[in-house]
Amino acid sequence: MGLFDVDEEKLKALYHRAWLECDRGFVKSRKYPYLDKALIQFARENNCTYDEAYILAKTGKRMF
């Protein structure tokens, strides 16, 4: 695993960071560029959709 690779744990951590930055409210992923880029990269690497990657980051459950 390289420095810029995104795995499930890193994706969850980035979502948690965005969640804390928005005062533990609803996270609009497009508002946080680091989360948005990580979701796109994770979706491409794992052949899933952006929404499935977002659900994985938010709940920890795989939908694919």
C-alpha atoms as a PDB file:
ATOM      1  CA  MET A   1       0.000   0.000   0.000  1.00  0.00           C
ATOM      2  CA  GLY A   2       1.374   3.358  -1.013  1.00  0.00           C
ATOM      3  CA  LEU A   3       1.188   6.693   0.684  1.00  0.00           C
ATOM      4  CA  PHE A   4      -1.740   7.958  -1.385  1.00  0.00           C
ATOM      5  CA  ASP A   5      -3.744   4.733  -1.598  1.00  0.00           C
ATOM      6  CA  VAL A   6      -7.193   4.760  -0.055  1.00  0.00           C
ATOM      7  CA  ASP A   7      -8.418   1.713   1.824  1.00  0.00           C
ATOM      8  CA  GLU A   8     -11.554   1.254   3.916  1.00  0.00           C
ATOM      9  CA  GLU A   9     -10.005   2.467   7.170  1.00  0.00           C
ATOM     10  CA  LYS A  10      -8.610   5.631   5.607  1.00  0.00           C
ATOM     11  CA  LEU A  11     -11.951   6.329   3.942  1.00  0.00           C
ATOM     12  CA  LYS A  12     -13.778   5.973   7.267  1.00  0.00           C
ATOM     13  CA  ALA A  13     -11.237   8.251   8.964  1.00  0.00           C
ATOM     14  CA  LEU A  14     -11.644  10.953   6.309  1.00  0.00           C
ATOM     15  CA  TYR A  15     -15.434  10.777   6.646  1.00  0.00           C
ATOM     16  CA  HIS A  16     -15.116  11.058  10.428  1.00  0.00           C
ATOM     17  CA  ARG A  17     -12.893  14.127  10.022  1.00  0.00           C
ATOM     18  CA  ALA A  18     -15.458  15.788   7.740  1.00  0.00           C
ATOM     19  CA  TRP A  19     -18.237  14.845  10.161  1.00  0.00           C
ATOM     20  CA  LEU A  20     -16.417  16.578  13.005  1.00  0.00           C
ATOM     21  CA  GLU A  21     -15.713  19.646  10.864  1.00  0.00           C
ATOM     22  CA  CYS A  22     -19.409  20.077  10.063  1.00  0.00           C
ATOM     23  CA  ASP A  23     -20.292  19.936  13.784  1.00  0.00           C
ATOM     24  CA  ARG A  24     -21.490  16.342  13.665  1.00  0.00           C
ATOM     25  CA  GLY A  25     -24.227  17.062  11.169  1.00  0.00           C
ATOM     26  CA  PHE A  26     -24.925  15.924   7.632  1.00  0.00           C
ATOM     27  CA  VAL A  27     -21.734  15.610   5.584  1.00  0.00           C
ATOM     28  CA  LYS A  28     -21.949  16.941   2.038  1.00  0.00           C
ATOM     29  CA  SER A  29     -19.028  15.089   0.531  1.00  0.00           C
ATOM     30  CA  ARG A  30     -18.578  17.553  -2.343  1.00  0.00           C
ATOM     31  CA  LYS A  31     -17.913  20.316   0.210  1.00  0.00           C
ATOM     32  CA  TYR A  32     -14.802  18.553   1.521  1.00  0.00           C
ATOM     33  CA  PRO A  33     -12.284  18.064  -1.318  1.00  0.00           C
ATOM     34  CA  TYR A  34     -10.148  15.532   0.555  1.00  0.00           C
ATOM     35  CA  LEU A  35     -13.176  13.298   1.146  1.00  0.00           C
ATOM     36  CA  ASP A  36     -14.478  13.753  -2.387  1.00  0.00           C
ATOM     37  CA  LYS A  37     -11.154  12.771  -3.960  1.00  0.00           C
ATOM     38  CA  ALA A  38     -10.801   9.773  -1.653  1.00  0.00           C
ATOM     39  CA  LEU A  39     -14.318   8.561  -2.506  1.00  0.00           C
ATOM     40  CA  ILE A  40     -13.650   8.863  -6.232  1.00  0.00           C
ATOM     41  CA  GLN A  41     -10.321   7.051  -5.953  1.00  0.00           C
ATOM     42  CA  PHE A  42     -11.787   4.275  -3.788  1.00  0.00           C
ATOM     43  CA  ALA A  43     -14.704   3.800  -6.188  1.00  0.00           C
ATOM     44  CA  ARG A  44     -12.373   3.495  -9.180  1.00  0.00           C
ATOM     45  CA  GLU A  45     -10.012   1.053  -7.472  1.00  0.00           C
ATOM     46  CA  ASN A  46     -12.792  -1.215  -6.193  1.00  0.00           C
ATOM     47  CA  ASN A  47     -15.175  -1.053  -9.182  1.00  0.00           C
ATOM     48  CA  CYS A  48     -18.084   0.373  -7.223  1.00  0.00           C
ATOM     49  CA  THR A  49     -20.142   3.541  -7.478  1.00  0.00           C
ATOM     50  CA  TYR A  50     -19.479   6.812  -5.702  1.00  0.00           C
ATOM     51  CA  ASP A  51     -22.616   6.291  -3.609  1.00  0.00           C
ATOM     52  CA  GLU A  52     -21.537   2.809  -2.503  1.00  0.00           C
ATOM     53  CA  ALA A  53     -18.162   4.195  -1.425  1.00  0.00           C
ATOM     54  CA  TYR A  54     -19.950   6.970   0.485  1.00  0.00           C
ATOM     55  CA  ILE A  55     -22.156   4.453   2.285  1.00  0.00           C
ATOM     56  CA  LEU A  56     -19.087   2.404   3.187  1.00  0.00           C
ATOM     57  CA  ALA A  57     -17.385   5.503   4.604  1.00  0.00           C
ATOM     58  CA  LYS A  58     -20.469   6.504   6.561  1.00  0.00           C
ATOM     59  CA  THR A  59     -21.707   3.174   7.941  1.00  0.00           C
ATOM     60  CA  GLY A  60     -18.826   0.770   7.454  1.00  0.00           C
ATOM     61  CA  LYS A  61     -21.021  -1.689   5.560  1.00  0.00           C
ATOM     62  CA  ARG A  62     -20.078  -2.902   2.092  1.00  0.00           C
ATOM     63  CA  MET A  63     -22.849  -2.597  -0.467  1.00  0.00           C
ATOM     64  CA  PHE A  64     -20.873  -4.136  -3.356  1.00  0.00           C
END
